[in-house]
Amino acid sequence: MLRTDHFPSLRTPALFLSGDKDGFGTREELDTALRLIPSRTKLTLLAGVGHELMSKKNAGELPNQVVKAFLDFASD
């Protein structure tokens, strides 16, 4: 069973954030998975970030990036 098996049954808009250095999923894999969702989706890639998203290096700026991504998504 894939983690994305339930994606076709999702009906609410969904925002996804991922680090562009995340070893668990490439941009192409994420784009393919998001196409399974019939509602509106958006993928925001966070530059220089791995799977853990927040680190000591980006703790000051990451929350603002997440809020901005959410506000942009909500206003579309």
C-alpha atoms as a PDB file:
ATOM      1  CA  MET A   1       0.000   0.000   0.000  1.00  0.00           C
ATOM      2  CA  LEU A   2       1.335   3.415  -0.979  1.00  0.00           C
ATOM      3  CA  ARG A   3       1.050   6.466   1.250  1.00  0.00           C
ATOM      4  CA  THR A   4      -0.790   8.162  -1.611  1.00  0.00           C
ATOM      5  CA  ASP A   5      -3.482   5.506  -2.101  1.00  0.00           C
ATOM      6  CA  HIS A   6      -6.069   7.726  -0.407  1.00  0.00           C
ATOM      7  CA  PHE A   7      -5.261  10.828  -2.485  1.00  0.00           C
ATOM      8  CA  PRO A   8      -8.031  10.258  -5.090  1.00  0.00           C
ATOM      9  CA  SER A   9     -10.630  10.418  -2.309  1.00  0.00           C
ATOM     10  CA  LEU A  10      -9.454  13.796  -0.949  1.00  0.00           C
ATOM     11  CA  ARG A  11     -12.013  16.535  -1.559  1.00  0.00           C
ATOM     12  CA  THR A  12     -10.610  19.589   0.230  1.00  0.00           C
ATOM     13  CA  PRO A  13      -7.958  21.966  -1.084  1.00  0.00           C
ATOM     14  CA  ALA A  14      -4.511  20.939   0.112  1.00  0.00           C
ATOM     15  CA  LEU A  15      -1.237  22.806   0.511  1.00  0.00           C
ATOM     16  CA  PHE A  16       1.938  20.740   0.647  1.00  0.00           C
ATOM     17  CA  LEU A  17       5.320  22.017   1.796  1.00  0.00           C
ATOM     18  CA  SER A  18       8.488  20.087   1.172  1.00  0.00           C
ATOM     19  CA  GLY A  19      12.181  20.755   1.326  1.00  0.00           C
ATOM     20  CA  ASP A  20      13.879  20.783  -2.055  1.00  0.00           C
ATOM     21  CA  LYS A  21      16.591  18.564  -0.537  1.00  0.00           C
ATOM     22  CA  ASP A  22      14.145  16.025   0.933  1.00  0.00           C
ATOM     23  CA  GLY A  23      15.467  12.567   0.143  1.00  0.00           C
ATOM     24  CA  PHE A  24      12.056  10.946   0.619  1.00  0.00           C
ATOM     25  CA  GLY A  25      10.454  12.471  -2.467  1.00  0.00           C
ATOM     26  CA  THR A  26      11.613  14.336  -5.542  1.00  0.00           C
ATOM     27  CA  ARG A  27       9.716  17.239  -7.063  1.00  0.00           C
ATOM     28  CA  GLU A  28       8.613  14.940  -9.866  1.00  0.00           C
ATOM     29  CA  GLU A  29       7.337  12.293  -7.427  1.00  0.00           C
ATOM     30  CA  LEU A  30       5.428  14.906  -5.454  1.00  0.00           C
ATOM     31  CA  ASP A  31       3.912  16.427  -8.611  1.00  0.00           C
ATOM     32  CA  THR A  32       2.782  12.971  -9.731  1.00  0.00           C
ATOM     33  CA  ALA A  33       1.217  12.242  -6.349  1.00  0.00           C
ATOM     34  CA  LEU A  34      -0.585  15.587  -6.199  1.00  0.00           C
ATOM     35  CA  ARG A  35      -2.163  14.985  -9.613  1.00  0.00           C
ATOM     36  CA  LEU A  36      -4.090  12.140  -7.934  1.00  0.00           C
ATOM     37  CA  ILE A  37      -5.994  14.636  -5.780  1.00  0.00           C
ATOM     38  CA  PRO A  38      -9.156  15.867  -7.521  1.00  0.00           C
ATOM     39  CA  SER A  39      -9.346  19.126  -5.552  1.00  0.00           C
ATOM     40  CA  ARG A  40      -7.054  22.146  -5.735  1.00  0.00           C
ATOM     41  CA  THR A  41      -3.492  21.544  -4.563  1.00  0.00           C
ATOM     42  CA  LYS A  42      -0.289  23.497  -4.378  1.00  0.00           C
ATOM     43  CA  LEU A  43       3.242  22.372  -3.687  1.00  0.00           C
ATOM     44  CA  THR A  44       5.640  24.852  -2.109  1.00  0.00           C
ATOM     45  CA  LEU A  45       9.267  23.821  -2.154  1.00  0.00           C
ATOM     46  CA  LEU A  46      11.461  25.273   0.568  1.00  0.00           C
ATOM     47  CA  ALA A  47      14.940  26.055  -0.720  1.00  0.00           C
ATOM     48  CA  GLY A  48      17.862  24.338   0.980  1.00  0.00           C
ATOM     49  CA  VAL A  49      15.610  22.335   3.301  1.00  0.00           C
ATOM     50  CA  GLY A  50      15.587  18.583   3.863  1.00  0.00           C
ATOM     51  CA  HIS A  51      12.937  16.225   5.217  1.00  0.00           C
ATOM     52  CA  GLU A  52      13.026  17.739   8.705  1.00  0.00           C
ATOM     53  CA  LEU A  53      11.841  21.156   7.375  1.00  0.00           C
ATOM     54  CA  MET A  54      12.863  23.208  10.420  1.00  0.00           C
ATOM     55  CA  SER A  55      16.425  23.311  11.628  1.00  0.00           C
ATOM     56  CA  LYS A  56      18.490  25.657  13.740  1.00  0.00           C
ATOM     57  CA  LYS A  57      19.611  27.336  10.498  1.00  0.00           C
ATOM     58  CA  ASN A  58      16.122  28.257   9.290  1.00  0.00           C
ATOM     59  CA  ALA A  59      14.106  28.432  12.535  1.00  0.00           C
ATOM     60  CA  GLY A  60      13.884  32.207  12.277  1.00  0.00           C
ATOM     61  CA  GLU A  61      12.597  32.325   8.711  1.00  0.00           C
ATOM     62  CA  LEU A  62      10.673  29.065   8.181  1.00  0.00           C
ATOM     63  CA  PRO A  63       7.523  30.024  10.109  1.00  0.00           C
ATOM     64  CA  ASN A  64       7.193  33.161   7.963  1.00  0.00           C
ATOM     65  CA  GLN A  65       7.646  31.103   4.781  1.00  0.00           C
ATOM     66  CA  VAL A  66       4.925  28.686   5.900  1.00  0.00           C
ATOM     67  CA  VAL A  67       2.509  31.495   6.766  1.00  0.00           C
ATOM     68  CA  LYS A  68       3.172  33.213   3.426  1.00  0.00           C
ATOM     69  CA  ALA A  69       2.602  29.951   1.523  1.00  0.00           C
ATOM     70  CA  PHE A  70      -0.661  29.398   3.383  1.00  0.00           C
ATOM     71  CA  LEU A  71      -1.916  32.948   2.827  1.00  0.00           C
ATOM     72  CA  ASP A  72      -1.032  32.764  -0.874  1.00  0.00           C
ATOM     73  CA  PHE A  73      -2.833  29.432  -1.177  1.00  0.00           C
ATOM     74  CA  ALA A  74      -5.881  30.657   0.723  1.00  0.00           C
ATOM     75  CA  SER A  75      -6.193  33.753  -1.443  1.00  0.00           C
ATOM     76  CA  ASP A  76      -6.092  31.860  -4.764  1.00  0.00           C
END
